[in-house]
Amino acid sequence: VYFAAQGETVSSLYAVDSKTGTQLWKTDFKNDNVQYITEKDDNLWGYTRKGKLFQLDIDNGETAFEAKLTTNPISNLEFPDDDSLFYYSDAALIQFEYKT
């Protein structure tokens, strides 16, 4: 199970064993809040309120990729292929190309 929790100065993303309730890992986002997460190909992808796009290793929570977006997402992330993703911003449909 994967979920995010928000505090006053940090937002954290947790992985918890669904059978035992044991915390497997935790990743902190200081001075920001996680807005969205989704699983894709053994990774967690998401973005924060301040427009940081991130990819985390699903096994240990370590950051595999991150980038500052120029437009803030207001939708889910869609992955048409292995090198790009789409999201809606308040201005338009955005295609973001990446290499991990």
Protein backbone atom coordinates (compact mmCIF):
# COMPACT_ATOMS: atom_id res chain seq x y z
CA VAL A 1 0.00 0.00 0.00
CA TYR A 2 1.31 3.46 -0.90
CA PHE A 3 0.01 6.74 0.50
CA ALA A 4 1.05 10.31 1.21
CA ALA A 5 0.58 12.33 4.39
CA GLN A 6 0.96 16.09 4.79
CA GLY A 7 2.46 17.91 7.74
CA GLU A 8 3.21 21.56 8.42
CA THR A 9 6.71 21.56 6.88
CA VAL A 10 6.99 18.19 5.15
CA SER A 11 4.90 15.81 3.07
CA SER A 12 5.83 12.11 3.22
CA LEU A 13 5.18 9.18 0.92
CA TYR A 14 4.94 5.80 2.66
CA ALA A 15 5.05 2.17 1.56
CA VAL A 16 3.35 -0.23 3.99
CA ASP A 17 3.04 -4.03 3.87
CA SER A 18 -0.70 -4.62 3.43
CA LYS A 19 -0.67 -7.88 5.41
CA THR A 20 1.35 -6.84 8.46
CA GLY A 21 1.02 -3.04 8.48
CA THR A 22 4.81 -2.75 8.68
CA GLN A 23 6.32 0.40 7.17
CA LEU A 24 8.65 -0.61 4.33
CA TRP A 25 10.01 2.85 3.52
CA LYS A 26 9.27 6.57 3.76
CA THR A 27 10.34 9.42 1.47
CA ASP A 28 10.02 13.05 2.59
CA PHE A 29 9.28 16.12 0.46
CA LYS A 30 10.37 19.12 2.53
CA ASN A 31 8.45 22.39 2.15
CA ASP A 32 6.12 20.84 -0.43
CA ASN A 33 3.02 18.62 -0.59
CA VAL A 34 2.49 15.49 -2.66
CA GLN A 35 -0.56 16.06 -4.88
CA TYR A 36 -0.67 12.84 -6.93
CA ILE A 37 0.93 9.37 -7.07
CA THR A 38 0.51 6.42 -9.41
CA GLU A 39 2.32 3.12 -9.98
CA LYS A 40 3.95 2.31 -13.33
CA ASP A 41 6.48 -0.42 -14.14
CA ASP A 42 7.67 -1.00 -10.54
CA ASN A 43 8.02 2.74 -9.92
CA LEU A 44 5.88 5.36 -8.25
CA TRP A 45 5.37 8.54 -10.26
CA GLY A 46 3.82 11.71 -8.96
CA TYR A 47 3.96 15.44 -8.60
CA THR A 48 3.90 17.98 -5.82
CA ARG A 49 1.96 21.19 -5.28
CA LYS A 50 5.04 23.21 -6.30
CA GLY A 51 5.30 21.37 -9.64
CA LYS A 52 8.03 18.82 -8.93
CA LEU A 53 7.62 15.67 -11.02
CA PHE A 54 9.15 12.60 -9.36
CA GLN A 55 9.80 8.91 -9.94
CA LEU A 56 10.56 6.69 -6.93
CA ASP A 57 11.88 3.13 -6.86
CA ILE A 58 8.94 1.10 -5.58
CA ASP A 59 11.20 -1.24 -3.58
CA ASN A 60 13.06 1.33 -1.47
CA GLY A 61 11.55 4.79 -2.08
CA GLU A 62 14.75 6.25 -3.50
CA THR A 63 14.40 9.00 -6.10
CA ALA A 64 15.11 7.68 -9.60
CA PHE A 65 14.14 10.86 -11.45
CA GLU A 66 12.87 14.34 -10.67
CA ALA A 67 12.25 17.53 -12.60
CA LYS A 68 10.71 20.94 -12.01
CA LEU A 69 7.70 21.34 -14.29
CA THR A 70 7.04 24.70 -15.95
CA THR A 71 3.26 24.23 -15.66
CA ASN A 72 1.49 22.72 -12.65
CA PRO A 73 -0.49 19.54 -13.36
CA ILE A 74 -4.20 19.40 -12.54
CA SER A 75 -4.83 15.82 -13.71
CA ASN A 76 -3.52 12.29 -13.63
CA LEU A 77 -0.34 11.30 -15.49
CA GLU A 78 -0.61 9.19 -18.66
CA PHE A 79 2.32 7.24 -20.11
CA PRO A 80 1.91 6.61 -23.86
CA ASP A 81 5.44 5.16 -24.18
CA ASP A 82 8.66 4.68 -22.20
CA ASP A 83 10.05 8.17 -22.87
CA SER A 84 7.17 10.59 -22.28
CA LEU A 85 4.11 11.36 -20.23
CA PHE A 86 1.06 13.57 -20.61
CA TYR A 87 -0.84 15.66 -18.10
CA TYR A 88 -3.30 18.52 -18.15
CA SER A 89 -2.35 21.89 -16.72
CA ASP A 90 -4.70 24.83 -16.35
CA ALA A 91 -3.39 26.08 -19.71
CA ALA A 92 -3.22 23.01 -21.97
CA LEU A 93 -2.44 19.33 -22.47
CA ILE A 94 1.30 18.95 -21.80
CA GLN A 95 3.69 16.32 -23.18
CA PHE A 96 6.81 15.87 -21.05
CA GLU A 97 9.71 13.85 -22.45
CA TYR A 98 12.14 12.23 -20.03
CA LYS A 99 14.95 9.67 -19.84
CA THR A 100 15.41 7.56 -16.69
